[in-house]
Amino acid sequence: IEWVKATSEKHHHVQLPKMHAVLSRLQNFAGSLEHQIVKLG
């Protein structure tokens, strides 16, 4: 998703809808999951 954002922004491509929201959800989920994995040892 970061690649899609960087490519579309760098070359002024069509702004792809909702990519920022998808990336935010991915990061939140990954952060929470990482926290749970660490807590489980």
PDB file of all heavy atoms in Angstrom:
ATOM      1  N   ILE A   1       0.839  -1.200   0.000  1.00  0.00           N
ATOM      2  CA  ILE A   1       0.000   0.000   0.000  1.00  0.00           C
ATOM      3  C   ILE A   1       0.878   1.255   0.000  1.00  0.00           C
ATOM      4  O   ILE A   1       0.572   2.239  -0.679  1.00  0.00           O
ATOM      5  CB  ILE A   1      -0.984   0.005   1.198  1.00  0.00           C
ATOM      6  CG1 ILE A   1      -1.943  -1.183   1.126  1.00  0.00           C
ATOM      7  CG2 ILE A   1      -1.747   1.324   1.277  1.00  0.00           C
ATOM      8  CD1 ILE A   1      -2.936  -1.155  -0.012  1.00  0.00           C
ATOM      9  N   GLU A   2       1.975   1.228   0.755  1.00  0.00           N
ATOM     10  CA  GLU A   2       2.899   2.364   0.741  1.00  0.00           C
ATOM     11  C   GLU A   2       3.469   2.576  -0.667  1.00  0.00           C
ATOM     12  O   GLU A   2       3.649   3.709  -1.107  1.00  0.00           O
ATOM     13  CB  GLU A   2       4.027   2.144   1.757  1.00  0.00           C
ATOM     14  CG  GLU A   2       3.572   2.311   3.188  1.00  0.00           C
ATOM     15  CD  GLU A   2       4.607   1.880   4.217  1.00  0.00           C
ATOM     16  OE1 GLU A   2       5.594   1.186   3.850  1.00  0.00           O
ATOM     17  OE2 GLU A   2       4.417   2.215   5.397  1.00  0.00           O
ATOM     18  N   TRP A   3       3.750   1.472  -1.378  1.00  0.00           N
ATOM     19  CA  TRP A   3       4.243   1.566  -2.754  1.00  0.00           C
ATOM     20  C   TRP A   3       3.197   2.239  -3.652  1.00  0.00           C
ATOM     21  O   TRP A   3       3.527   3.119  -4.444  1.00  0.00           O
ATOM     22  CB  TRP A   3       4.595   0.177  -3.302  1.00  0.00           C
ATOM     23  CG  TRP A   3       4.896   0.194  -4.765  1.00  0.00           C
ATOM     24  CD1 TRP A   3       6.092   0.504  -5.352  1.00  0.00           C
ATOM     25  CD2 TRP A   3       3.986  -0.072  -5.836  1.00  0.00           C
ATOM     26  NE1 TRP A   3       5.972   0.443  -6.713  1.00  0.00           N
ATOM     27  CE2 TRP A   3       4.688   0.090  -7.045  1.00  0.00           C
ATOM     28  CE3 TRP A   3       2.643  -0.430  -5.889  1.00  0.00           C
ATOM     29  CZ2 TRP A   3       4.100  -0.093  -8.285  1.00  0.00           C
ATOM     30  CZ3 TRP A   3       2.049  -0.615  -7.129  1.00  0.00           C
ATOM     31  CH2 TRP A   3       2.777  -0.444  -8.305  1.00  0.00           C
ATOM     32  N   VAL A   4       1.926   1.828  -3.506  1.00  0.00           N
ATOM     33  CA  VAL A   4       0.854   2.428  -4.310  1.00  0.00           C
ATOM     34  C   VAL A   4       0.784   3.928  -4.043  1.00  0.00           C
ATOM     35  O   VAL A   4       0.712   4.737  -4.972  1.00  0.00           O
ATOM     36  CB  VAL A   4      -0.510   1.757  -4.020  1.00  0.00           C
ATOM     37  CG1 VAL A   4      -1.656   2.551  -4.632  1.00  0.00           C
ATOM     38  CG2 VAL A   4      -0.525   0.333  -4.537  1.00  0.00           C
ATOM     39  N   LYS A   5       0.812   4.312  -2.779  1.00  0.00           N
ATOM     40  CA  LYS A   5       0.752   5.735  -2.423  1.00  0.00           C
ATOM     41  C   LYS A   5       1.943   6.496  -2.991  1.00  0.00           C
ATOM     42  O   LYS A   5       1.780   7.553  -3.588  1.00  0.00           O
ATOM     43  CB  LYS A   5       0.709   5.893  -0.904  1.00  0.00           C
ATOM     44  CG  LYS A   5      -0.642   5.626  -0.286  1.00  0.00           C
ATOM     45  CD  LYS A   5      -0.629   5.863   1.202  1.00  0.00           C
ATOM     46  CE  LYS A   5      -0.198   7.281   1.477  1.00  0.00           C
ATOM     47  NZ  LYS A   5       0.196   7.574   2.817  1.00  0.00           N
ATOM     48  N   ALA A   6       3.134   5.955  -2.811  1.00  0.00           N
ATOM     49  CA  ALA A   6       4.342   6.640  -3.273  1.00  0.00           C
ATOM     50  C   ALA A   6       4.351   6.779  -4.791  1.00  0.00           C
ATOM     51  O   ALA A   6       4.702   7.842  -5.322  1.00  0.00           O
ATOM     52  CB  ALA A   6       5.581   5.884  -2.814  1.00  0.00           C
ATOM     53  N   THR A   7       3.955   5.735  -5.484  1.00  0.00           N
ATOM     54  CA  THR A   7       3.950   5.768  -6.944  1.00  0.00           C
ATOM     55  C   THR A   7       2.923   6.749  -7.471  1.00  0.00           C
ATOM     56  O   THR A   7       3.218   7.538  -8.374  1.00  0.00           O
ATOM     57  CB  THR A   7       3.668   4.361  -7.515  1.00  0.00           C
ATOM     58  OG1 THR A   7       4.622   3.454  -6.976  1.00  0.00           O
ATOM     59  CG2 THR A   7       3.774   4.342  -9.016  1.00  0.00           C
ATOM     60  N   SER A   8       1.739   6.724  -6.903  1.00  0.00           N
ATOM     61  CA  SER A   8       0.697   7.621  -7.403  1.00  0.00           C
ATOM     62  C   SER A   8       1.005   9.074  -7.057  1.00  0.00           C
ATOM     63  O   SER A   8       0.731   9.974  -7.852  1.00  0.00           O
ATOM     64  CB  SER A   8      -0.679   7.212  -6.890  1.00  0.00           C
ATOM     65  OG  SER A   8      -0.729   7.260  -5.487  1.00  0.00           O
ATOM     66  N   GLU A   9       1.619   9.329  -5.911  1.00  0.00           N
ATOM     67  CA  GLU A   9       1.973  10.700  -5.533  1.00  0.00           C
ATOM     68  C   GLU A   9       3.169  11.216  -6.323  1.00  0.00           C
ATOM     69  O   GLU A   9       3.190  12.367  -6.748  1.00  0.00           O
ATOM     70  CB  GLU A   9       2.261  10.777  -4.031  1.00  0.00           C
ATOM     71  CG  GLU A   9       1.017  10.632  -3.183  1.00  0.00           C
ATOM     72  CD  GLU A   9       1.320  10.444  -1.701  1.00  0.00           C
ATOM     73  OE1 GLU A   9       2.510  10.469  -1.308  1.00  0.00           O
ATOM     74  OE2 GLU A   9       0.355  10.258  -0.937  1.00  0.00           O
ATOM     75  N   LYS A  10       4.167  10.354  -6.540  1.00  0.00           N
ATOM     76  CA  LYS A  10       5.385  10.765  -7.220  1.00  0.00           C
ATOM     77  C   LYS A  10       5.115  11.176  -8.667  1.00  0.00           C
ATOM     78  O   LYS A  10       5.699  12.129  -9.174  1.00  0.00           O
ATOM     79  CB  LYS A  10       6.410   9.628  -7.192  1.00  0.00           C
ATOM     80  CG  LYS A  10       7.722   9.984  -7.846  1.00  0.00           C
ATOM     81  CD  LYS A  10       8.712   8.850  -7.739  1.00  0.00           C
ATOM     82  CE  LYS A  10      10.031   9.268  -8.390  1.00  0.00           C
ATOM     83  NZ  LYS A  10      11.033   8.234  -8.294  1.00  0.00           N
ATOM     84  N   HIS A  11       4.251  10.460  -9.321  1.00  0.00           N
ATOM     85  CA  HIS A  11       4.007  10.708 -10.737  1.00  0.00           C
ATOM     86  C   HIS A  11       2.671  11.388 -10.998  1.00  0.00           C
ATOM     87  O   HIS A  11       2.191  11.405 -12.123  1.00  0.00           O
ATOM     88  CB  HIS A  11       4.099   9.397 -11.519  1.00  0.00           C
ATOM     89  CG  HIS A  11       5.454   8.775 -11.416  1.00  0.00           C
ATOM     90  ND1 HIS A  11       6.553   9.290 -12.057  1.00  0.00           N
ATOM     91  CD2 HIS A  11       5.899   7.707 -10.723  1.00  0.00           C
ATOM     92  CE1 HIS A  11       7.614   8.551 -11.767  1.00  0.00           C
ATOM     93  NE2 HIS A  11       7.236   7.590 -10.960  1.00  0.00           N
ATOM     94  N   HIS A  12       2.068  11.912  -9.963  1.00  0.00           N
ATOM     95  CA  HIS A  12       0.793  12.622 -10.092  1.00  0.00           C
ATOM     96  C   HIS A  12      -0.266  11.769 -10.797  1.00  0.00           C
ATOM     97  O   HIS A  12      -1.035  12.257 -11.608  1.00  0.00           O
ATOM     98  CB  HIS A  12       0.969  13.963 -10.827  1.00  0.00           C
ATOM     99  CG  HIS A  12       2.032  14.803 -10.221  1.00  0.00           C
ATOM    100  ND1 HIS A  12       1.887  15.382  -8.982  1.00  0.00           N
ATOM    101  CD2 HIS A  12       3.272  15.138 -10.662  1.00  0.00           C
ATOM    102  CE1 HIS A  12       2.986  16.053  -8.688  1.00  0.00           C
ATOM    103  NE2 HIS A  12       3.843  15.921  -9.683  1.00  0.00           N
ATOM    104  N   HIS A  13      -0.239  10.467 -10.473  1.00  0.00           N
ATOM    105  CA  HIS A  13      -1.261   9.576 -11.022  1.00  0.00           C
ATOM    106  C   HIS A  13      -2.582   9.879 -10.345  1.00  0.00           C
ATOM    107  O   HIS A  13      -2.658  10.615  -9.362  1.00  0.00           O
ATOM    108  CB  HIS A  13      -0.897   8.111 -10.764  1.00  0.00           C
ATOM    109  CG  HIS A  13       0.287   7.646 -11.540  1.00  0.00           C
ATOM    110  ND1 HIS A  13       0.929   6.488 -11.246  1.00  0.00           N
ATOM    111  CD2 HIS A  13       0.959   8.171 -12.596  1.00  0.00           C
ATOM    112  CE1 HIS A  13       1.936   6.315 -12.075  1.00  0.00           C
ATOM    113  NE2 HIS A  13       1.979   7.320 -12.895  1.00  0.00           N
ATOM    114  N   VAL A  14      -3.588   9.264 -10.868  1.00  0.00           N
ATOM    115  CA  VAL A  14      -4.914   9.373 -10.260  1.00  0.00           C
ATOM    116  C   VAL A  14      -4.786   9.026  -8.774  1.00  0.00           C
ATOM    117  O   VAL A  14      -4.156   8.040  -8.422  1.00  0.00           O
ATOM    118  CB  VAL A  14      -5.853   8.386 -10.973  1.00  0.00           C
ATOM    119  CG1 VAL A  14      -6.897   7.816 -10.065  1.00  0.00           C
ATOM    120  CG2 VAL A  14      -6.495   9.035 -12.158  1.00  0.00           C
ATOM    121  N   GLN A  15      -5.344   9.856  -7.905  1.00  0.00           N
ATOM    122  CA  GLN A  15      -5.313   9.544  -6.479  1.00  0.00           C
ATOM    123  C   GLN A  15      -6.255   8.377  -6.223  1.00  0.00           C
ATOM    124  O   GLN A  15      -7.438   8.469  -6.477  1.00  0.00           O
ATOM    125  CB  GLN A  15      -5.732  10.757  -5.637  1.00  0.00           C
ATOM    126  CG  GLN A  15      -5.660  10.523  -4.156  1.00  0.00           C
ATOM    127  CD  GLN A  15      -4.268  10.126  -3.682  1.00  0.00           C
ATOM    128  OE1 GLN A  15      -3.274  10.654  -4.107  1.00  0.00           O
ATOM    129  NE2 GLN A  15      -4.198   9.176  -2.779  1.00  0.00           N
ATOM    130  N   LEU A  16      -5.695   7.302  -5.776  1.00  0.00           N
ATOM    131  CA  LEU A  16      -6.491   6.105  -5.554  1.00  0.00           C
ATOM    132  C   LEU A  16      -7.270   6.253  -4.253  1.00  0.00           C
ATOM    133  O   LEU A  16      -6.695   6.583  -3.209  1.00  0.00           O
ATOM    134  CB  LEU A  16      -5.604   4.872  -5.547  1.00  0.00           C
ATOM    135  CG  LEU A  16      -4.885   4.675  -6.882  1.00  0.00           C
ATOM    136  CD1 LEU A  16      -3.804   3.627  -6.756  1.00  0.00           C
ATOM    137  CD2 LEU A  16      -5.867   4.300  -7.966  1.00  0.00           C
ATOM    138  N   PRO A  17      -8.573   6.037  -4.311  1.00  0.00           N
ATOM    139  CA  PRO A  17      -9.427   6.302  -3.151  1.00  0.00           C
ATOM    140  C   PRO A  17      -9.154   5.367  -1.974  1.00  0.00           C
ATOM    141  O   PRO A  17      -8.850   4.201  -2.157  1.00  0.00           O
ATOM    142  CB  PRO A  17     -10.843   6.079  -3.695  1.00  0.00           C
ATOM    143  CG  PRO A  17     -10.677   5.231  -4.900  1.00  0.00           C
ATOM    144  CD  PRO A  17      -9.307   5.516  -5.448  1.00  0.00           C
ATOM    145  N   LYS A  18      -9.228   5.933  -0.793  1.00  0.00           N
ATOM    146  CA  LYS A  18      -9.214   5.202   0.473  1.00  0.00           C
ATOM    147  C   LYS A  18      -7.899   4.512   0.804  1.00  0.00           C
ATOM    148  O   LYS A  18      -7.829   3.757   1.749  1.00  0.00           O
ATOM    149  CB  LYS A  18     -10.352   4.181   0.540  1.00  0.00           C
ATOM    150  CG  LYS A  18     -11.694   4.759   0.267  1.00  0.00           C
ATOM    151  CD  LYS A  18     -12.778   4.665   1.229  1.00  0.00           C
ATOM    152  CE  LYS A  18     -12.856   3.895   2.421  1.00  0.00           C
ATOM    153  NZ  LYS A  18     -13.331   4.606   3.580  1.00  0.00           N
ATOM    154  N   MET A  19      -6.843   4.750   0.053  1.00  0.00           N
ATOM    155  CA  MET A  19      -5.569   4.078   0.343  1.00  0.00           C
ATOM    156  C   MET A  19      -4.993   4.536   1.684  1.00  0.00           C
ATOM    157  O   MET A  19      -4.391   3.751   2.395  1.00  0.00           O
ATOM    158  CB  MET A  19      -4.553   4.285  -0.776  1.00  0.00           C
ATOM    159  CG  MET A  19      -4.854   3.491  -2.009  1.00  0.00           C
ATOM    160  SD  MET A  19      -4.871   1.713  -1.644  1.00  0.00           S
ATOM    161  CE  MET A  19      -5.191   1.082  -3.263  1.00  0.00           C
ATOM    162  N   HIS A  20      -5.186   5.816   2.028  1.00  0.00           N
ATOM    163  CA  HIS A  20      -4.704   6.308   3.324  1.00  0.00           C
ATOM    164  C   HIS A  20      -5.435   5.590   4.460  1.00  0.00           C
ATOM    165  O   HIS A  20      -4.810   5.200   5.454  1.00  0.00           O
ATOM    166  CB  HIS A  20      -4.903   7.825   3.441  1.00  0.00           C
ATOM    167  CG  HIS A  20      -4.040   8.616   2.529  1.00  0.00           C
ATOM    168  ND1 HIS A  20      -2.700   8.796   2.755  1.00  0.00           N
ATOM    169  CD2 HIS A  20      -4.308   9.264   1.370  1.00  0.00           C
ATOM    170  CE1 HIS A  20      -2.175   9.527   1.792  1.00  0.00           C
ATOM    171  NE2 HIS A  20      -3.135   9.825   0.926  1.00  0.00           N
ATOM    172  N   ALA A  21      -6.731   5.410   4.313  1.00  0.00           N
ATOM    173  CA  ALA A  21      -7.525   4.737   5.350  1.00  0.00           C
ATOM    174  C   ALA A  21      -7.137   3.262   5.465  1.00  0.00           C
ATOM    175  O   ALA A  21      -7.037   2.730   6.576  1.00  0.00           O
ATOM    176  CB  ALA A  21      -9.017   4.870   5.035  1.00  0.00           C
ATOM    177  N   VAL A  22      -6.909   2.619   4.333  1.00  0.00           N
ATOM    178  CA  VAL A  22      -6.498   1.211   4.352  1.00  0.00           C
ATOM    179  C   VAL A  22      -5.137   1.080   5.038  1.00  0.00           C
ATOM    180  O   VAL A  22      -4.941   0.195   5.879  1.00  0.00           O
ATOM    181  CB  VAL A  22      -6.450   0.621   2.921  1.00  0.00           C
ATOM    182  CG1 VAL A  22      -5.801  -0.751   2.911  1.00  0.00           C
ATOM    183  CG2 VAL A  22      -7.848   0.544   2.320  1.00  0.00           C
ATOM    184  N   LEU A  23      -4.209   1.956   4.696  1.00  0.00           N
ATOM    185  CA  LEU A  23      -2.877   1.918   5.311  1.00  0.00           C
ATOM    186  C   LEU A  23      -2.968   2.141   6.819  1.00  0.00           C
ATOM    187  O   LEU A  23      -2.309   1.447   7.598  1.00  0.00           O
ATOM    188  CB  LEU A  23      -1.960   2.961   4.666  1.00  0.00           C
ATOM    189  CG  LEU A  23      -0.528   2.982   5.187  1.00  0.00           C
ATOM    190  CD1 LEU A  23       0.158   1.636   4.988  1.00  0.00           C
ATOM    191  CD2 LEU A  23       0.264   4.091   4.500  1.00  0.00           C
ATOM    192  N   SER A  24      -3.806   3.063   7.240  1.00  0.00           N
ATOM    193  CA  SER A  24      -3.977   3.332   8.667  1.00  0.00           C
ATOM    194  C   SER A  24      -4.524   2.100   9.390  1.00  0.00           C
ATOM    195  O   SER A  24      -4.049   1.735  10.470  1.00  0.00           O
ATOM    196  CB  SER A  24      -4.915   4.523   8.849  1.00  0.00           C
ATOM    197  OG  SER A  24      -5.146   4.756  10.211  1.00  0.00           O
ATOM    198  N   ARG A  25      -5.504   1.441   8.791  1.00  0.00           N
ATOM    199  CA  ARG A  25      -6.068   0.211   9.385  1.00  0.00           C
ATOM    200  C   ARG A  25      -5.015  -0.890   9.468  1.00  0.00           C
ATOM    201  O   ARG A  25      -4.931  -1.612  10.464  1.00  0.00           O
ATOM    202  CB  ARG A  25      -7.255  -0.289   8.571  1.00  0.00           C
ATOM    203  CG  ARG A  25      -8.462   0.588   8.604  1.00  0.00           C
ATOM    204  CD  ARG A  25      -9.185   0.483   9.904  1.00  0.00           C
ATOM    205  NE  ARG A  25     -10.404   1.277   9.820  1.00  0.00           N
ATOM    206  CZ  ARG A  25     -11.124   1.602  10.840  1.00  0.00           C
ATOM    207  NH1 ARG A  25     -10.786   1.220  12.043  1.00  0.00           N
ATOM    208  NH2 ARG A  25     -12.208   2.320  10.683  1.00  0.00           N
ATOM    209  N   LEU A  26      -4.224  -1.033   8.403  1.00  0.00           N
ATOM    210  CA  LEU A  26      -3.156  -2.039   8.393  1.00  0.00           C
ATOM    211  C   LEU A  26      -2.165  -1.787   9.528  1.00  0.00           C
ATOM    212  O   LEU A  26      -1.789  -2.708  10.250  1.00  0.00           O
ATOM    213  CB  LEU A  26      -2.397  -1.984   7.060  1.00  0.00           C
ATOM    214  CG  LEU A  26      -2.941  -2.783   5.908  1.00  0.00           C
ATOM    215  CD1 LEU A  26      -2.260  -2.367   4.610  1.00  0.00           C
ATOM    216  CD2 LEU A  26      -2.747  -4.264   6.134  1.00  0.00           C
ATOM    217  N   GLN A  27      -1.753  -0.540   9.676  1.00  0.00           N
ATOM    218  CA  GLN A  27      -0.773  -0.204  10.704  1.00  0.00           C
ATOM    219  C   GLN A  27      -1.327  -0.413  12.106  1.00  0.00           C
ATOM    220  O   GLN A  27      -0.619  -0.914  12.991  1.00  0.00           O
ATOM    221  CB  GLN A  27      -0.296   1.240  10.506  1.00  0.00           C
ATOM    222  CG  GLN A  27       0.540   1.399   9.254  1.00  0.00           C
ATOM    223  CD  GLN A  27       0.799   2.843   8.872  1.00  0.00           C
ATOM    224  OE1 GLN A  27       0.042   3.749   9.238  1.00  0.00           O
ATOM    225  NE2 GLN A  27       1.868   3.077   8.124  1.00  0.00           N
ATOM    226  N   ASN A  28      -2.581  -0.053  12.332  1.00  0.00           N
ATOM    227  CA  ASN A  28      -3.196  -0.259  13.644  1.00  0.00           C
ATOM    228  C   ASN A  28      -3.295  -1.738  13.986  1.00  0.00           C
ATOM    229  O   ASN A  28      -2.996  -2.159  15.106  1.00  0.00           O
ATOM    230  CB  ASN A  28      -4.583   0.385  13.698  1.00  0.00           C
ATOM    231  CG  ASN A  28      -4.531   1.893  13.703  1.00  0.00           C
ATOM    232  OD1 ASN A  28      -3.512   2.487  14.021  1.00  0.00           O
ATOM    233  ND2 ASN A  28      -5.628   2.520  13.324  1.00  0.00           N
ATOM    234  N   PHE A  29      -3.751  -2.534  13.023  1.00  0.00           N
ATOM    235  CA  PHE A  29      -3.894  -3.972  13.218  1.00  0.00           C
ATOM    236  C   PHE A  29      -2.526  -4.601  13.478  1.00  0.00           C
ATOM    237  O   PHE A  29      -2.352  -5.374  14.427  1.00  0.00           O
ATOM    238  CB  PHE A  29      -4.572  -4.582  11.987  1.00  0.00           C
ATOM    239  CG  PHE A  29      -4.924  -6.046  12.091  1.00  0.00           C
ATOM    240  CD1 PHE A  29      -4.874  -6.751  13.282  1.00  0.00           C
ATOM    241  CD2 PHE A  29      -5.339  -6.736  10.955  1.00  0.00           C
ATOM    242  CE1 PHE A  29      -5.216  -8.101  13.353  1.00  0.00           C
ATOM    243  CE2 PHE A  29      -5.684  -8.073  11.008  1.00  0.00           C
ATOM    244  CZ  PHE A  29      -5.609  -8.758  12.216  1.00  0.00           C
ATOM    245  N   ALA A  30      -1.535  -4.252  12.668  1.00  0.00           N
ATOM    246  CA  ALA A  30      -0.195  -4.821  12.832  1.00  0.00           C
ATOM    247  C   ALA A  30       0.406  -4.434  14.185  1.00  0.00           C
ATOM    248  O   ALA A  30       1.010  -5.276  14.863  1.00  0.00           O
ATOM    249  CB  ALA A  30       0.715  -4.372  11.694  1.00  0.00           C
ATOM    250  N   GLY A  31       0.223  -3.197  14.596  1.00  0.00           N
ATOM    251  CA  GLY A  31       0.742  -2.763  15.896  1.00  0.00           C
ATOM    252  C   GLY A  31       0.110  -3.509  17.056  1.00  0.00           C
ATOM    253  O   GLY A  31       0.787  -3.939  17.985  1.00  0.00           O
ATOM    254  N   SER A  32      -1.199  -3.683  17.001  1.00  0.00           N
ATOM    255  CA  SER A  32      -1.907  -4.407  18.052  1.00  0.00           C
ATOM    256  C   SER A  32      -1.500  -5.883  18.069  1.00  0.00           C
ATOM    257  O   SER A  32      -1.291  -6.467  19.133  1.00  0.00           O
ATOM    258  CB  SER A  32      -3.415  -4.274  17.832  1.00  0.00           C
ATOM    259  OG  SER A  32      -4.125  -4.893  18.862  1.00  0.00           O
ATOM    260  N   LEU A  33      -1.375  -6.462  16.901  1.00  0.00           N
ATOM    261  CA  LEU A  33      -0.967  -7.867  16.802  1.00  0.00           C
ATOM    262  C   LEU A  33       0.459  -8.056  17.314  1.00  0.00           C
ATOM    263  O   LEU A  33       0.746  -9.011  18.048  1.00  0.00           O
ATOM    264  CB  LEU A  33      -1.090  -8.348  15.358  1.00  0.00           C
ATOM    265  CG  LEU A  33      -0.736  -9.794  15.071  1.00  0.00           C
ATOM    266  CD1 LEU A  33      -1.569 -10.753  15.914  1.00  0.00           C
ATOM    267  CD2 LEU A  33      -0.929 -10.101  13.590  1.00  0.00           C
ATOM    268  N   GLU A  34       1.338  -7.145  16.959  1.00  0.00           N
ATOM    269  CA  GLU A  34       2.719  -7.215  17.440  1.00  0.00           C
ATOM    270  C   GLU A  34       2.758  -7.146  18.973  1.00  0.00           C
ATOM    271  O   GLU A  34       3.492  -7.894  19.622  1.00  0.00           O
ATOM    272  CB  GLU A  34       3.524  -6.067  16.837  1.00  0.00           C
ATOM    273  CG  GLU A  34       4.995  -6.141  17.105  1.00  0.00           C
ATOM    274  CD  GLU A  34       5.760  -5.084  16.340  1.00  0.00           C
ATOM    275  OE1 GLU A  34       5.755  -5.146  15.098  1.00  0.00           O
ATOM    276  OE2 GLU A  34       6.347  -4.198  17.004  1.00  0.00           O
ATOM    277  N   HIS A  35       1.955  -6.267  19.545  1.00  0.00           N
ATOM    278  CA  HIS A  35       1.872  -6.147  21.005  1.00  0.00           C
ATOM    279  C   HIS A  35       1.424  -7.472  21.639  1.00  0.00           C
ATOM    280  O   HIS A  35       1.997  -7.916  22.630  1.00  0.00           O
ATOM    281  CB  HIS A  35       0.899  -5.016  21.365  1.00  0.00           C
ATOM    282  CG  HIS A  35       0.675  -4.856  22.830  1.00  0.00           C
ATOM    283  ND1 HIS A  35       1.613  -4.307  23.671  1.00  0.00           N
ATOM    284  CD2 HIS A  35      -0.386  -5.193  23.607  1.00  0.00           C
ATOM    285  CE1 HIS A  35       1.141  -4.313  24.913  1.00  0.00           C
ATOM    286  NE2 HIS A  35      -0.071  -4.831  24.895  1.00  0.00           N
ATOM    287  N   GLN A  36       0.426  -8.107  21.048  1.00  0.00           N
ATOM    288  CA  GLN A  36      -0.073  -9.380  21.584  1.00  0.00           C
ATOM    289  C   GLN A  36       0.981 -10.478  21.463  1.00  0.00           C
ATOM    290  O   GLN A  36       1.137 -11.298  22.373  1.00  0.00           O
ATOM    291  CB  GLN A  36      -1.353  -9.805  20.849  1.00  0.00           C
ATOM    292  CG  GLN A  36      -2.532  -8.878  21.031  1.00  0.00           C
ATOM    293  CD  GLN A  36      -3.036  -8.826  22.456  1.00  0.00           C
ATOM    294  OE1 GLN A  36      -3.001  -9.808  23.181  1.00  0.00           O
ATOM    295  NE2 GLN A  36      -3.491  -7.661  22.876  1.00  0.00           N
ATOM    296  N   ILE A  37       1.714 -10.501  20.359  1.00  0.00           N
ATOM    297  CA  ILE A  37       2.764 -11.509  20.166  1.00  0.00           C
ATOM    298  C   ILE A  37       3.854 -11.348  21.216  1.00  0.00           C
ATOM    299  O   ILE A  37       4.306 -12.328  21.819  1.00  0.00           O
ATOM    300  CB  ILE A  37       3.342 -11.424  18.729  1.00  0.00           C
ATOM    301  CG1 ILE A  37       2.309 -11.940  17.724  1.00  0.00           C
ATOM    302  CG2 ILE A  37       4.643 -12.202  18.605  1.00  0.00           C
ATOM    303  CD1 ILE A  37       2.682 -11.745  16.265  1.00  0.00           C
ATOM    304  N   VAL A  38       4.264 -10.120  21.471  1.00  0.00           N
ATOM    305  CA  VAL A  38       5.289  -9.852  22.484  1.00  0.00           C
ATOM    306  C   VAL A  38       4.778 -10.256  23.860  1.00  0.00           C
ATOM    307  O   VAL A  38       5.502 -10.881  24.645  1.00  0.00           O
ATOM    308  CB  VAL A  38       5.712  -8.361  22.450  1.00  0.00           C
ATOM    309  CG1 VAL A  38       6.546  -7.989  23.654  1.00  0.00           C
ATOM    310  CG2 VAL A  38       6.452  -8.061  21.155  1.00  0.00           C
ATOM    311  N   LYS A  39       3.523  -9.920  24.175  1.00  0.00           N
ATOM    312  CA  LYS A  39       2.949 -10.271  25.483  1.00  0.00           C
ATOM    313  C   LYS A  39       2.891 -11.784  25.686  1.00  0.00           C
ATOM    314  O   LYS A  39       3.014 -12.261  26.814  1.00  0.00           O
ATOM    315  CB  LYS A  39       1.530  -9.695  25.619  1.00  0.00           C
ATOM    316  CG  LYS A  39       1.499  -8.226  25.851  1.00  0.00           C
ATOM    317  CD  LYS A  39       1.830  -7.932  27.282  1.00  0.00           C
ATOM    318  CE  LYS A  39       1.376  -6.544  27.639  1.00  0.00           C
ATOM    319  NZ  LYS A  39       1.590  -6.252  29.027  1.00  0.00           N
ATOM    320  N   LEU A  40       2.694 -12.530  24.604  1.00  0.00           N
ATOM    321  CA  LEU A  40       2.669 -13.989  24.693  1.00  0.00           C
ATOM    322  C   LEU A  40       4.065 -14.593  24.793  1.00  0.00           C
ATOM    323  O   LEU A  40       4.212 -15.791  25.009  1.00  0.00           O
ATOM    324  CB  LEU A  40       1.948 -14.592  23.480  1.00  0.00           C
ATOM    325  CG  LEU A  40       0.439 -14.505  23.495  1.00  0.00           C
ATOM    326  CD1 LEU A  40      -0.137 -14.875  22.138  1.00  0.00           C
ATOM    327  CD2 LEU A  40      -0.137 -15.418  24.574  1.00  0.00           C
ATOM    328  N   GLY A  41       5.079 -13.772  24.623  1.00  0.00           N
ATOM    329  CA  GLY A  41       6.453 -14.257  24.694  1.00  0.00           C
ATOM    330  C   GLY A  41       6.905 -14.960  23.421  1.00  0.00           C
ATOM    331  O   GLY A  41       7.871 -15.720  23.453  1.00  0.00           O
TER     332      GLY A  41
END
